[in-house]
Amino acid sequence: MIVQPAFDERWYLEEAVQSLFDYFEATAGMDGEHNPLIAMPTGTGKSAVIAKFMRKAFALYPATRAMGLTHVKELIQQDANAIRRAWPNAPLGIYSAGLDQYDNVSPIVFGGVQSVKGKFPIFGHRDLLFIDECHLLSPKTDTTYQAVISDLKKTNKKLKIVGLTATPYRLGLGHMTNGGIFTDVCYDLCNRDSFARLIAEGYMSPLIPKRTNTQLDLSNVKLVGGEYNQEQLQISIDKAEITRAALREVVTHGQDRKSWLIFASGVEHAEHIAEDLRTYFHIPAAAVHSKMTDAQRDKVIEDFKAGRIRAIVNQNVLTTGFDHPPIDLIAVLRPTMSPGLWVQMLGRGTRPYDGFNPKQYLVGFRYKKLNCLVLDFAANTERLGPIDDPVIPKKKGDGPPGDAPIRICGNCGTYNHASATVCSNCGVVFPRQEKLKTFASELALMSALDTTPDEREYDVQRVIYQAHTSRAGASSVKVVYYVHGNTFFEYVSVEGGGLRAKRGRDWYRIREKARGAEPPDSNADLLELCPDLRIPAKIKVIVNREYPEITGAIF
């Protein structure tokens, strides 16, 4: 049984915070804007990263003034609460119409982007801007976020902007570093190896797919701006016989599940699903959507979180920022072409929950969640891939994003990532000659790790060096390579004997500009000499390991 440390003690939170300080140190004095992005899966603690960084930054630089922005009041409150837990005496205020709070003078202000727009310069000079769920930030200059950023820069041209998201990409732009605000990824846990580790250590709950007999017909639905036409989508999908067939499967597979989240394709569709659940299947259910008042939506969400209703059906409301760990069933009747939206929907089920732990216990949910069942009636996985390795959209004009090839297990029928060599469900070894297939009614929502080395080359943008001490007390120099959209690490030591020290000395000789100087005897001296070493043009990395392994450098 895994015993989890307290949330604030998780190893990756400290790494993420340190990566920000390292990034700002490495880019200090450089020309142009340098705005980092942190990619972390849903539920792993982006708010805690903001909180821990803020506290450390204010301790080092007491005159700092910061702002945090997001798009919904729930996230504003969540981020503010995280600050207060990590730093009870934080100089923190909230500016949000939804929360009816209007503090514009505190050194730290968390606000709603719609509420603060047009209110400058009442917030004065700000050094830092954190944007939670930053995938919603469009590169277009006429958007709300861009207007707020422009106003902030009127009082500080050197404003540092930090983005946090579980989906660092968006339709029409591709990766968030392709243009607009963000220039680099300084910390990334949204990859297959990191997902596997986070699940293994109990920080995330696995997603489990079940084959669905009902499939939504999209043959009459056109694409508009890269996404399904919403009006046509609802007309094609919102049919009683289709809805009830899908719900029969939901009820059958979900009979032992406690908390159901269902995604609908329109307002009327959401209402019809909730009505059918109540009337035909006697499941306590309610819908939330854009035509309800805030008070109405809040009441339904409150009832769902208290366990008074078993199923909540939503349309464009509970995709980003909705936090309810007991969710153990997700039914998707909302087709999409957006990998970001798809991963955000799946992310509602990845939070672990142990109702027998007094710190997690919620009224109506006294049980331990083992996983989250996902029923994908919309074939989103077929189009967009699993949550830990989705098909990343390309920048507009660069062509389609490509397919999400899958591999079907002949033993148990589970769908795996195309590169898998063993089934993620039953463990059977796949024969090498097995062909990849690209059709499925549902696919594995988390890909299996591959044991065959997958070595790739990356162009190096910049390198920084840090002193490092392992948990066992061994010292080394941590080498951080920033590449487009990712960060890789290498640990080098010249101390002691054995193969580790030999590799460290060889590493130094290859990079030493004078081509002849001998390596230093200590890692402290090595760290002093590192800034004068040659920087590789490319690095070779085996990416399908628990920790990506740097295998070579090209100069």
Protein backbone atom coordinates (compact mmCIF):
# COMPACT_ATOMS: atom_id res chain seq x y z
CA MET A 1 0.00 0.00 0.00
CA ILE A 2 1.34 3.43 -0.98
CA VAL A 3 1.48 5.96 1.86
CA GLN A 4 1.32 9.39 0.32
CA PRO A 5 3.22 12.31 1.83
CA ALA A 6 1.37 15.52 2.57
CA PHE A 7 0.42 17.41 -0.59
CA ASP A 8 2.95 20.17 -0.04
CA GLU A 9 5.77 17.63 0.36
CA ARG A 10 5.43 16.06 -3.08
CA TRP A 11 8.76 15.86 -4.88
CA TYR A 12 7.60 17.37 -8.14
CA LEU A 13 6.21 20.53 -6.54
CA GLU A 14 9.69 21.48 -5.33
CA GLU A 15 11.12 20.63 -8.75
CA ALA A 16 8.55 22.81 -10.50
CA VAL A 17 9.20 25.77 -8.20
CA GLN A 18 12.97 25.43 -8.57
CA SER A 19 12.61 25.21 -12.35
CA LEU A 20 11.02 28.67 -12.34
CA PHE A 21 13.83 30.22 -10.33
CA ASP A 22 16.39 28.49 -12.54
CA TYR A 23 14.63 29.73 -15.67
CA PHE A 24 14.50 33.34 -14.55
CA GLU A 25 18.16 33.17 -13.51
CA ALA A 26 19.17 31.68 -16.87
CA THR A 27 17.25 34.27 -18.90
CA ALA A 28 18.20 37.32 -16.83
CA GLY A 29 19.79 39.93 -19.04
CA MET A 30 18.79 38.24 -22.27
CA ASP A 31 17.13 40.30 -24.98
CA GLY A 32 13.47 39.82 -25.80
CA GLU A 33 10.68 38.31 -23.75
CA HIS A 34 11.16 35.03 -21.91
CA ASN A 35 7.93 33.71 -20.40
CA PRO A 36 7.94 30.14 -19.05
CA LEU A 37 5.19 27.57 -19.05
CA ILE A 38 4.64 24.75 -16.54
CA ALA A 39 2.75 21.68 -17.75
CA MET A 40 1.27 19.47 -15.01
CA PRO A 41 -1.60 16.97 -15.23
CA THR A 42 -4.98 17.84 -13.74
CA GLY A 43 -5.08 17.45 -9.99
CA THR A 44 -1.33 17.34 -9.36
CA GLY A 45 -1.14 20.78 -7.74
CA LYS A 46 -0.62 23.73 -10.08
CA SER A 47 -2.10 25.96 -7.37
CA ALA A 48 0.46 24.64 -4.89
CA VAL A 49 3.29 25.50 -7.29
CA ILE A 50 2.05 29.10 -7.49
CA ALA A 51 1.75 29.25 -3.71
CA LYS A 52 5.20 27.82 -2.96
CA PHE A 53 6.88 30.03 -5.57
CA MET A 54 5.14 33.15 -4.26
CA ARG A 55 6.21 32.53 -0.69
CA LYS A 56 9.83 31.93 -1.66
CA ALA A 57 9.92 34.88 -4.07
CA PHE A 58 8.52 37.30 -1.47
CA ALA A 59 11.01 36.03 1.11
CA LEU A 60 13.87 36.78 -1.28
CA TYR A 61 12.41 40.00 -2.71
CA PRO A 62 9.92 41.52 -0.21
CA ALA A 63 8.98 44.40 -2.54
CA THR A 64 7.58 42.00 -5.17
CA ARG A 65 4.07 42.65 -6.44
CA ALA A 66 2.25 39.83 -8.19
CA MET A 67 -1.05 38.97 -9.82
CA GLY A 68 -2.75 35.68 -10.66
CA LEU A 69 -5.45 35.44 -13.31
CA THR A 70 -7.86 32.76 -14.42
CA HIS A 71 -11.31 32.56 -16.01
CA VAL A 72 -13.68 31.12 -13.36
CA LYS A 73 -14.35 32.06 -9.75
CA GLU A 74 -13.80 28.48 -8.52
CA LEU A 75 -10.20 28.54 -9.72
CA ILE A 76 -9.62 31.99 -8.23
CA GLN A 77 -10.77 30.71 -4.84
CA GLN A 78 -8.77 27.50 -5.26
CA ASP A 79 -5.54 29.35 -6.05
CA ALA A 80 -6.09 31.81 -3.21
CA ASN A 81 -6.75 29.00 -0.74
CA ALA A 82 -3.55 27.26 -1.84
CA ILE A 83 -1.59 30.42 -1.08
CA ARG A 84 -3.17 30.69 2.37
CA ARG A 85 -2.45 27.05 3.22
CA ALA A 86 1.20 27.38 2.25
CA TRP A 87 1.54 30.89 3.65
CA PRO A 88 -1.14 31.78 6.27
CA ASN A 89 0.00 35.42 6.54
CA ALA A 90 0.29 36.02 2.79
CA PRO A 91 -0.46 39.62 1.69
CA LEU A 92 -3.22 38.32 -0.55
CA GLY A 93 -6.38 39.87 -1.98
CA ILE A 94 -9.06 38.80 -4.49
CA TYR A 95 -10.57 40.85 -7.30
CA SER A 96 -13.56 38.98 -8.70
CA ALA A 97 -17.13 40.01 -9.46
CA GLY A 98 -18.22 36.37 -9.12
CA LEU A 99 -16.86 36.24 -5.56
CA ASP A 100 -17.95 39.83 -4.80
CA GLN A 101 -14.44 40.82 -3.67
CA TYR A 102 -12.56 43.83 -5.06
CA ASP A 103 -9.09 44.10 -3.49
CA ASN A 104 -6.78 45.89 -5.92
CA VAL A 105 -4.00 47.04 -3.56
CA SER A 106 -2.60 43.88 -1.92
CA PRO A 107 0.91 42.83 -3.01
CA ILE A 108 -0.65 39.61 -4.32
CA VAL A 109 -4.00 39.84 -6.14
CA PHE A 110 -5.83 36.87 -7.60
CA GLY A 111 -8.52 37.88 -10.03
CA GLY A 112 -10.91 36.93 -12.79
CA VAL A 113 -9.71 38.04 -16.20
CA GLN A 114 -13.13 39.44 -17.10
CA SER A 115 -13.34 41.34 -13.81
CA VAL A 116 -9.95 43.05 -14.07
CA LYS A 117 -10.16 43.94 -17.76
CA GLY A 118 -10.24 47.70 -18.25
CA LYS A 119 -9.63 48.41 -14.54
CA PHE A 120 -5.99 49.43 -14.85
CA PRO A 121 -4.03 51.27 -13.57
CA ILE A 122 -5.77 50.67 -10.22
CA PHE A 123 -3.59 47.57 -9.68
CA GLY A 124 -0.38 49.54 -10.05
CA HIS A 125 3.02 48.04 -10.85
CA ARG A 126 3.17 44.22 -11.01
CA ASP A 127 6.36 42.17 -11.37
CA LEU A 128 4.82 38.74 -11.88
CA LEU A 129 1.69 37.50 -13.61
CA PHE A 130 0.56 33.89 -13.17
CA ILE A 131 -2.08 32.60 -15.59
CA ASP A 132 -3.76 29.38 -14.46
CA GLU A 133 -5.27 27.23 -17.26
CA CYS A 134 -3.21 29.29 -19.68
CA HIS A 135 -4.24 27.16 -22.68
CA LEU A 136 -7.25 29.48 -22.83
CA LEU A 137 -4.95 32.38 -23.71
CA SER A 138 -5.26 33.09 -27.43
CA PRO A 139 -2.34 34.59 -29.39
CA LYS A 140 -4.79 37.03 -31.00
CA THR A 141 -4.26 40.59 -29.83
CA ASP A 142 -7.94 41.49 -29.44
CA THR A 143 -8.75 39.03 -26.65
CA THR A 144 -9.44 39.71 -22.98
CA TYR A 145 -6.21 38.16 -21.68
CA GLN A 146 -4.11 40.05 -24.21
CA ALA A 147 -5.82 43.33 -23.26
CA VAL A 148 -5.04 42.74 -19.57
CA ILE A 149 -1.42 41.85 -20.32
CA SER A 150 -1.05 44.95 -22.47
CA ASP A 151 -2.37 47.13 -19.63
CA LEU A 152 -0.01 45.54 -17.09
CA LYS A 153 2.95 46.18 -19.37
CA LYS A 154 2.14 49.88 -19.44
CA THR A 155 3.43 50.08 -15.88
CA ASN A 156 6.13 47.41 -16.21
CA LYS A 157 7.60 46.55 -19.59
CA LYS A 158 9.63 43.75 -17.98
CA LEU A 159 6.58 41.94 -16.59
CA LYS A 160 7.31 38.21 -16.13
CA ILE A 161 4.41 35.98 -17.20
CA VAL A 162 4.14 32.36 -16.02
CA GLY A 163 1.58 29.98 -17.51
CA LEU A 164 0.29 26.78 -15.94
CA THR A 165 -1.83 24.16 -17.68
CA ALA A 166 -2.45 20.45 -18.11
CA THR A 167 -2.79 20.96 -21.88
CA PRO A 168 0.02 23.17 -23.28
CA TYR A 169 -1.49 23.37 -26.78
CA ARG A 170 -4.59 24.70 -28.55
CA LEU A 171 -6.33 24.43 -31.92
CA GLY A 172 -4.91 26.81 -34.53
CA LEU A 173 -1.69 27.40 -32.57
CA GLY A 174 -0.33 23.96 -31.80
CA HIS A 175 2.01 24.02 -28.82
CA MET A 176 1.64 27.12 -26.65
CA THR A 177 5.27 28.04 -27.34
CA ASN A 178 4.63 28.34 -31.09
CA GLY A 179 3.76 32.00 -30.79
CA GLY A 180 2.09 34.56 -28.59
CA ILE A 181 3.07 34.93 -24.95
CA PHE A 182 4.97 31.82 -23.84
CA THR A 183 8.46 31.09 -25.11
CA ASP A 184 9.66 27.99 -23.22
CA VAL A 185 8.48 25.02 -21.18
CA CYS A 186 10.47 25.08 -17.96
CA TYR A 187 8.79 22.04 -16.34
CA ASP A 188 6.75 19.26 -17.95
CA LEU A 189 4.96 16.36 -16.27
CA CYS A 190 2.49 15.86 -19.14
CA ASN A 191 4.28 12.96 -20.79
CA ARG A 192 3.96 9.19 -20.69
CA ASP A 193 6.79 8.53 -18.25
CA SER A 194 5.59 11.17 -15.80
CA PHE A 195 1.99 9.92 -15.96
CA ALA A 196 3.20 6.38 -15.24
CA ARG A 197 5.23 7.51 -12.22
CA LEU A 198 2.46 9.72 -10.82
CA ILE A 199 -0.03 6.86 -11.06
CA ALA A 200 2.41 4.35 -9.57
CA GLU A 201 3.06 6.65 -6.61
CA GLY A 202 -0.65 7.25 -6.01
CA TYR A 203 -0.74 10.91 -7.04
CA MET A 204 -3.12 10.22 -9.94
CA SER A 205 -5.96 7.77 -10.49
CA PRO A 206 -5.83 5.58 -13.61
CA LEU A 207 -8.49 5.81 -16.30
CA ILE A 208 -10.08 2.49 -17.36
CA PRO A 209 -11.91 2.18 -20.70
CA LYS A 210 -14.83 -0.11 -21.50
CA ARG A 211 -15.97 -0.98 -24.99
CA THR A 212 -19.17 0.85 -25.93
CA ASN A 213 -21.70 -0.67 -28.29
CA THR A 214 -23.33 2.70 -28.98
CA GLN A 215 -21.43 5.10 -31.24
CA LEU A 216 -22.45 8.62 -32.21
CA ASP A 217 -22.99 9.30 -35.92
CA LEU A 218 -21.09 12.42 -37.04
CA SER A 219 -21.47 11.95 -40.81
CA ASN A 220 -23.72 15.02 -41.15
CA VAL A 221 -21.66 17.30 -38.89
CA LYS A 222 -19.29 19.78 -40.55
CA LEU A 223 -16.16 21.35 -39.11
CA VAL A 224 -16.02 25.09 -38.44
CA GLY A 225 -12.65 26.54 -37.47
CA GLY A 226 -11.27 23.06 -36.85
CA GLU A 227 -14.07 22.04 -34.45
CA TYR A 228 -17.45 20.39 -34.94
CA ASN A 229 -20.32 22.75 -35.74
CA GLN A 230 -22.13 22.89 -32.39
CA GLU A 231 -25.62 23.41 -33.82
CA GLN A 232 -25.29 20.49 -36.25
CA LEU A 233 -23.67 18.38 -33.54
CA GLN A 234 -26.62 18.65 -31.19
CA ILE A 235 -29.14 18.00 -33.97
CA SER A 236 -27.30 14.82 -35.00
CA ILE A 237 -26.75 13.47 -31.50
CA ASP A 238 -29.72 14.61 -29.43
CA LYS A 239 -32.06 11.76 -30.37
CA ALA A 240 -33.98 9.80 -27.77
CA GLU A 241 -33.10 6.33 -29.07
CA ILE A 242 -29.36 7.13 -29.19
CA THR A 243 -29.34 8.77 -25.76
CA ARG A 244 -31.19 5.92 -24.08
CA ALA A 245 -29.02 3.25 -25.72
CA ALA A 246 -25.92 5.01 -24.43
CA LEU A 247 -27.40 5.50 -20.97
CA ARG A 248 -28.27 1.81 -20.72
CA GLU A 249 -24.56 1.11 -21.05
CA VAL A 250 -23.70 3.81 -18.53
CA VAL A 251 -26.13 2.37 -15.99
CA THR A 252 -24.92 -1.19 -16.61
CA HIS A 253 -21.23 -0.42 -16.29
CA GLY A 254 -21.70 2.20 -13.59
CA GLN A 255 -23.87 0.31 -11.14
CA ASP A 256 -21.00 0.11 -8.62
CA ARG A 257 -19.71 3.64 -9.36
CA LYS A 258 -20.52 6.44 -6.93
CA SER A 259 -20.09 9.70 -8.81
CA TRP A 260 -20.88 10.12 -12.53
CA LEU A 261 -19.84 13.02 -14.76
CA ILE A 262 -21.44 13.11 -18.23
CA PHE A 263 -20.48 15.41 -21.11
CA ALA A 264 -23.29 16.46 -23.45
CA SER A 265 -23.23 18.07 -26.91
CA GLY A 266 -25.61 20.95 -26.21
CA VAL A 267 -27.91 22.57 -23.67
CA GLU A 268 -31.01 20.65 -24.74
CA HIS A 269 -28.96 17.46 -25.00
CA ALA A 270 -27.77 17.89 -21.41
CA GLU A 271 -31.32 18.42 -20.16
CA HIS A 272 -32.60 15.37 -22.08
CA ILE A 273 -29.83 13.14 -20.69
CA ALA A 274 -30.57 14.23 -17.12
CA GLU A 275 -34.31 13.75 -17.63
CA ASP A 276 -33.83 10.25 -19.07
CA LEU A 277 -31.58 9.25 -16.19
CA ARG A 278 -34.21 10.35 -13.69
CA THR A 279 -37.29 9.06 -15.54
CA TYR A 280 -36.21 5.83 -17.23
CA PHE A 281 -33.33 4.68 -15.04
CA HIS A 282 -34.24 6.22 -11.65
CA ILE A 283 -30.77 7.71 -11.25
CA PRO A 284 -30.64 11.02 -9.31
CA ALA A 285 -29.28 13.42 -11.95
CA ALA A 286 -29.23 17.09 -12.93
CA ALA A 287 -27.83 19.21 -15.74
CA VAL A 288 -25.58 22.28 -15.66
CA HIS A 289 -25.17 24.53 -18.67
CA SER A 290 -24.76 28.10 -19.89
CA LYS A 291 -28.47 28.98 -19.83
CA MET A 292 -28.70 28.55 -16.07
CA THR A 293 -28.02 31.31 -13.58
CA ASP A 294 -24.93 31.16 -11.40
CA ALA A 295 -27.12 30.36 -8.41
CA GLN A 296 -28.81 27.48 -10.24
CA ARG A 297 -25.50 25.99 -11.37
CA ASP A 298 -23.97 26.40 -7.92
CA LYS A 299 -26.91 24.55 -6.33
CA VAL A 300 -26.60 21.58 -8.72
CA ILE A 301 -22.84 21.38 -8.20
CA GLU A 302 -23.32 21.59 -4.42
CA ASP A 303 -25.83 18.70 -4.53
CA PHE A 304 -23.48 16.65 -6.71
CA LYS A 305 -20.50 17.19 -4.39
CA ALA A 306 -22.63 16.31 -1.37
CA GLY A 307 -23.78 13.06 -2.97
CA ARG A 308 -27.43 14.07 -3.17
CA ILE A 309 -27.35 13.46 -6.93
CA ARG A 310 -25.34 10.66 -8.49
CA ALA A 311 -24.90 12.02 -12.02
CA ILE A 312 -24.21 15.54 -13.20
CA VAL A 313 -24.64 16.25 -16.91
CA ASN A 314 -22.80 19.28 -18.22
CA GLN A 315 -22.33 21.23 -21.41
CA ASN A 316 -19.29 23.52 -21.51
CA VAL A 317 -19.29 24.11 -17.75
CA LEU A 318 -17.29 21.41 -15.97
CA THR A 319 -14.43 20.85 -18.43
CA THR A 320 -11.69 23.02 -16.89
CA GLY A 321 -11.04 23.71 -13.22
CA PHE A 322 -13.80 21.48 -11.81
CA ASP A 323 -12.42 19.70 -8.76
CA HIS A 324 -14.32 16.72 -7.33
CA PRO A 325 -11.97 13.78 -6.58
CA PRO A 326 -14.70 11.12 -6.01
CA ILE A 327 -15.64 11.14 -9.73
CA ASP A 328 -15.23 7.50 -10.77
CA LEU A 329 -17.22 7.39 -14.01
CA ILE A 330 -17.04 9.70 -17.02
CA ALA A 331 -19.43 9.22 -19.93
CA VAL A 332 -18.59 11.22 -23.05
CA LEU A 333 -21.39 12.06 -25.48
CA ARG A 334 -19.54 15.16 -26.66
CA PRO A 335 -17.39 14.66 -29.77
CA THR A 336 -14.54 17.13 -30.22
CA MET A 337 -11.58 17.77 -32.50
CA SER A 338 -9.70 19.60 -29.74
CA PRO A 339 -7.03 17.53 -27.93
CA GLY A 340 -6.97 20.17 -25.20
CA LEU A 341 -10.70 19.88 -24.52
CA TRP A 342 -10.47 16.09 -24.64
CA VAL A 343 -7.62 15.89 -22.13
CA GLN A 344 -9.34 18.43 -19.87
CA MET A 345 -12.52 16.30 -19.88
CA LEU A 346 -10.57 13.16 -18.99
CA GLY A 347 -8.69 15.06 -16.31
CA ARG A 348 -11.85 15.36 -14.24
CA GLY A 349 -11.39 11.69 -13.31
CA THR A 350 -7.66 11.50 -12.59
CA ARG A 351 -7.75 12.86 -9.03
CA PRO A 352 -7.27 10.07 -6.45
CA TYR A 353 -9.71 9.82 -3.57
CA ASP A 354 -9.71 7.85 -0.31
CA GLY A 355 -12.91 8.39 1.61
CA PHE A 356 -11.55 6.43 4.56
CA ASN A 357 -8.85 9.04 5.04
CA PRO A 358 -10.23 11.77 7.35
CA LYS A 359 -8.33 14.41 5.35
CA GLN A 360 -10.16 13.44 2.14
CA TYR A 361 -13.54 12.29 3.40
CA LEU A 362 -16.51 14.01 1.78
CA VAL A 363 -20.15 13.69 2.85
CA GLY A 364 -21.78 10.88 0.88
CA PHE A 365 -18.53 9.41 -0.43
CA ARG A 366 -17.08 7.10 2.19
CA TYR A 367 -15.18 4.78 -0.15
CA LYS A 368 -11.74 4.40 -1.73
CA LYS A 369 -11.61 5.21 -5.43
CA LEU A 370 -9.48 2.66 -7.30
CA ASN A 371 -9.84 4.12 -10.81
CA CYS A 372 -12.16 6.07 -13.06
CA LEU A 373 -14.20 4.29 -15.72
CA VAL A 374 -14.51 6.19 -19.01
CA LEU A 375 -17.16 5.40 -21.61
CA ASP A 376 -16.25 7.22 -24.83
CA PHE A 377 -19.34 7.09 -27.05
CA ALA A 378 -17.89 9.89 -29.21
CA ALA A 379 -14.74 8.04 -30.43
CA ASN A 380 -12.60 10.95 -29.19
CA THR A 381 -9.77 8.58 -28.25
CA GLU A 382 -9.69 7.25 -31.78
CA ARG A 383 -9.22 10.78 -33.15
CA LEU A 384 -7.14 12.37 -30.42
CA GLY A 385 -5.26 9.66 -28.55
CA PRO A 386 -4.83 8.81 -24.84
CA ILE A 387 -4.56 11.40 -22.07
CA ASP A 388 -0.82 10.85 -21.58
CA ASP A 389 0.10 10.98 -25.27
CA PRO A 390 -2.53 12.94 -27.23
CA VAL A 391 -2.27 14.02 -30.86
CA ILE A 392 -0.87 17.54 -30.57
CA PRO A 393 -2.52 20.01 -32.97
CA LYS A 394 -0.32 21.77 -35.48
CA LYS A 395 -0.03 25.47 -36.05
CA LYS A 396 -2.60 26.80 -38.51
CA GLY A 397 -1.39 26.24 -42.06
CA ASP A 398 0.95 23.37 -41.14
CA GLY A 399 -1.57 20.70 -42.10
CA PRO A 400 -3.62 18.19 -40.08
CA PRO A 401 -2.22 16.87 -36.79
CA GLY A 402 -2.06 13.26 -38.00
CA ASP A 403 -3.63 10.06 -36.76
CA ALA A 404 -3.76 8.48 -33.33
CA PRO A 405 -2.70 4.91 -34.28
CA ILE A 406 -3.62 2.23 -31.81
CA ARG A 407 -2.85 -1.38 -31.10
CA ILE A 408 -5.59 -3.84 -30.19
CA CYS A 409 -4.83 -6.64 -27.76
CA GLY A 410 -5.92 -9.96 -29.24
CA ASN A 411 -6.14 -11.48 -25.78
CA CYS A 412 -8.45 -9.09 -23.92
CA GLY A 413 -9.60 -6.55 -26.53
CA THR A 414 -8.05 -3.55 -24.80
CA TYR A 415 -6.76 -0.73 -27.00
CA ASN A 416 -3.19 0.39 -26.37
CA HIS A 417 -0.85 3.07 -27.63
CA ALA A 418 0.66 2.13 -31.00
CA SER A 419 4.19 1.83 -29.61
CA ALA A 420 3.23 -0.51 -26.76
CA THR A 421 4.99 -3.90 -26.70
CA VAL A 422 2.79 -5.30 -23.91
CA CYS A 423 -0.91 -4.85 -23.17
CA SER A 424 -1.58 -2.27 -20.47
CA ASN A 425 -4.50 -4.36 -19.20
CA CYS A 426 -3.58 -8.06 -19.27
CA GLY A 427 0.22 -7.85 -19.74
CA VAL A 428 0.38 -10.11 -22.80
CA VAL A 429 3.43 -9.48 -24.99
CA PHE A 430 2.54 -8.26 -28.47
CA PRO A 431 4.12 -10.06 -31.44
CA ARG A 432 6.46 -7.81 -33.40
CA GLN A 433 4.69 -8.44 -36.69
CA GLU A 434 1.27 -7.34 -35.45
CA LYS A 435 -0.14 -4.56 -37.60
CA LEU A 436 -1.32 -1.29 -36.14
CA LYS A 437 -4.98 -0.50 -36.53
CA THR A 438 -6.61 2.90 -36.51
CA PHE A 439 -10.22 2.06 -35.61
CA ALA A 440 -11.82 1.48 -32.25
CA SER A 441 -15.03 2.21 -30.41
CA GLU A 442 -12.91 3.13 -27.42
CA LEU A 443 -9.18 3.09 -26.85
CA ALA A 444 -6.94 2.85 -23.84
CA LEU A 445 -7.04 6.25 -22.19
CA MET A 446 -3.55 5.91 -20.79
CA SER A 447 -0.93 4.38 -23.04
CA ALA A 448 1.32 1.51 -21.99
CA LEU A 449 5.03 2.13 -21.58
CA ASP A 450 7.24 0.69 -24.30
CA THR A 451 10.44 -1.22 -23.51
CA THR A 452 12.02 -0.74 -26.95
CA PRO A 453 14.29 2.34 -26.84
CA ASP A 454 12.74 5.29 -28.67
CA GLU A 455 15.68 7.63 -29.32
CA ARG A 456 15.03 11.10 -30.71
CA GLU A 457 17.09 14.19 -31.49
CA TYR A 458 16.23 17.65 -30.13
CA ASP A 459 17.63 21.07 -31.01
CA VAL A 460 19.09 22.67 -27.87
CA GLN A 461 17.88 26.21 -27.17
CA ARG A 462 19.81 26.84 -23.97
CA VAL A 463 21.59 25.00 -21.14
CA ILE A 464 21.94 25.81 -17.45
CA TYR A 465 24.02 24.10 -14.73
CA GLN A 466 23.17 23.58 -11.05
CA ALA A 467 24.69 21.91 -8.02
CA HIS A 468 22.74 18.78 -7.10
CA THR A 469 22.70 16.40 -4.15
CA SER A 470 20.78 13.14 -4.33
CA ARG A 471 18.66 11.79 -1.49
CA ALA A 472 21.52 9.40 -0.74
CA GLY A 473 23.90 12.36 -0.38
CA ALA A 474 25.84 11.96 -3.63
CA SER A 475 26.82 15.22 -5.32
CA SER A 476 26.73 15.99 -9.04
CA VAL A 477 26.18 18.79 -11.52
CA LYS A 478 22.63 18.90 -12.86
CA VAL A 479 22.60 19.89 -16.54
CA VAL A 480 19.26 21.27 -17.76
CA TYR A 481 18.66 21.29 -21.51
CA TYR A 482 15.86 23.49 -22.79
CA VAL A 483 14.51 22.27 -26.13
CA HIS A 484 11.40 23.28 -28.02
CA GLY A 485 8.41 22.35 -25.87
CA ASN A 486 10.33 20.25 -23.33
CA THR A 487 13.13 20.06 -20.77
CA PHE A 488 15.65 17.24 -20.23
CA PHE A 489 18.09 16.63 -17.37
CA GLU A 490 21.55 15.09 -17.13
CA TYR A 491 23.56 14.46 -13.95
CA VAL A 492 27.36 14.62 -14.26
CA SER A 493 30.01 13.79 -11.64
CA VAL A 494 33.82 13.71 -11.83
CA GLU A 495 34.31 12.68 -8.21
CA GLY A 496 35.40 9.27 -7.00
CA GLY A 497 36.24 6.31 -9.15
CA GLY A 498 34.29 3.86 -11.22
CA LEU A 499 32.24 4.19 -14.38
CA ARG A 500 30.20 7.19 -13.16
CA ALA A 501 33.29 9.37 -12.69
CA LYS A 502 34.81 8.17 -15.98
CA ARG A 503 31.65 9.18 -17.83
CA GLY A 504 31.78 12.56 -16.13
CA ARG A 505 35.37 13.13 -17.19
CA ASP A 506 34.58 12.06 -20.78
CA TRP A 507 31.58 14.40 -20.75
CA TYR A 508 33.87 17.27 -19.76
CA ARG A 509 36.58 16.52 -22.33
CA ILE A 510 34.06 16.50 -25.19
CA ARG A 511 32.77 19.93 -24.19
CA GLU A 512 36.05 21.59 -23.17
CA LYS A 513 36.79 24.34 -25.71
CA ALA A 514 40.59 24.18 -25.44
CA ARG A 515 40.44 20.47 -26.37
CA GLY A 516 43.13 19.24 -24.07
CA ALA A 517 42.49 20.58 -20.59
CA GLU A 518 41.97 17.83 -18.04
CA PRO A 519 38.76 17.58 -16.02
CA PRO A 520 38.68 19.03 -12.49
CA ASP A 521 38.77 16.76 -9.47
CA SER A 522 35.63 18.02 -7.76
CA ASN A 523 32.05 18.68 -8.81
CA ALA A 524 32.24 22.13 -7.24
CA ASP A 525 35.11 23.03 -9.60
CA LEU A 526 33.23 21.43 -12.50
CA LEU A 527 30.25 23.67 -11.82
CA GLU A 528 32.50 26.74 -11.94
CA LEU A 529 33.89 25.69 -15.34
CA CYS A 530 30.59 24.65 -16.95
CA PRO A 531 29.58 28.11 -18.31
CA ASP A 532 32.73 28.06 -20.50
CA LEU A 533 32.02 24.66 -22.03
CA ARG A 534 30.68 24.07 -25.53
CA ILE A 535 26.90 23.78 -25.79
CA PRO A 536 25.56 20.98 -28.02
CA ALA A 537 23.52 21.93 -31.06
CA LYS A 538 21.43 18.78 -30.54
CA ILE A 539 21.01 16.08 -27.91
CA LYS A 540 19.92 12.48 -28.36
CA VAL A 541 17.30 11.29 -25.87
CA ILE A 542 15.60 7.95 -25.23
CA VAL A 543 12.13 9.24 -24.40
CA ASN A 544 10.23 6.05 -23.47
CA ARG A 545 11.89 5.48 -20.11
CA GLU A 546 10.58 6.29 -16.64
CA TYR A 547 13.06 9.16 -16.80
CA PRO A 548 14.17 10.25 -20.31
CA GLU A 549 17.83 9.28 -20.86
CA ILE A 550 20.28 11.55 -22.71
CA THR A 551 22.47 9.26 -24.78
CA GLY A 552 24.59 11.65 -26.84
CA ALA A 553 25.28 15.18 -28.02
CA ILE A 554 25.93 16.69 -31.46
CA PHE A 555 28.06 19.84 -31.68
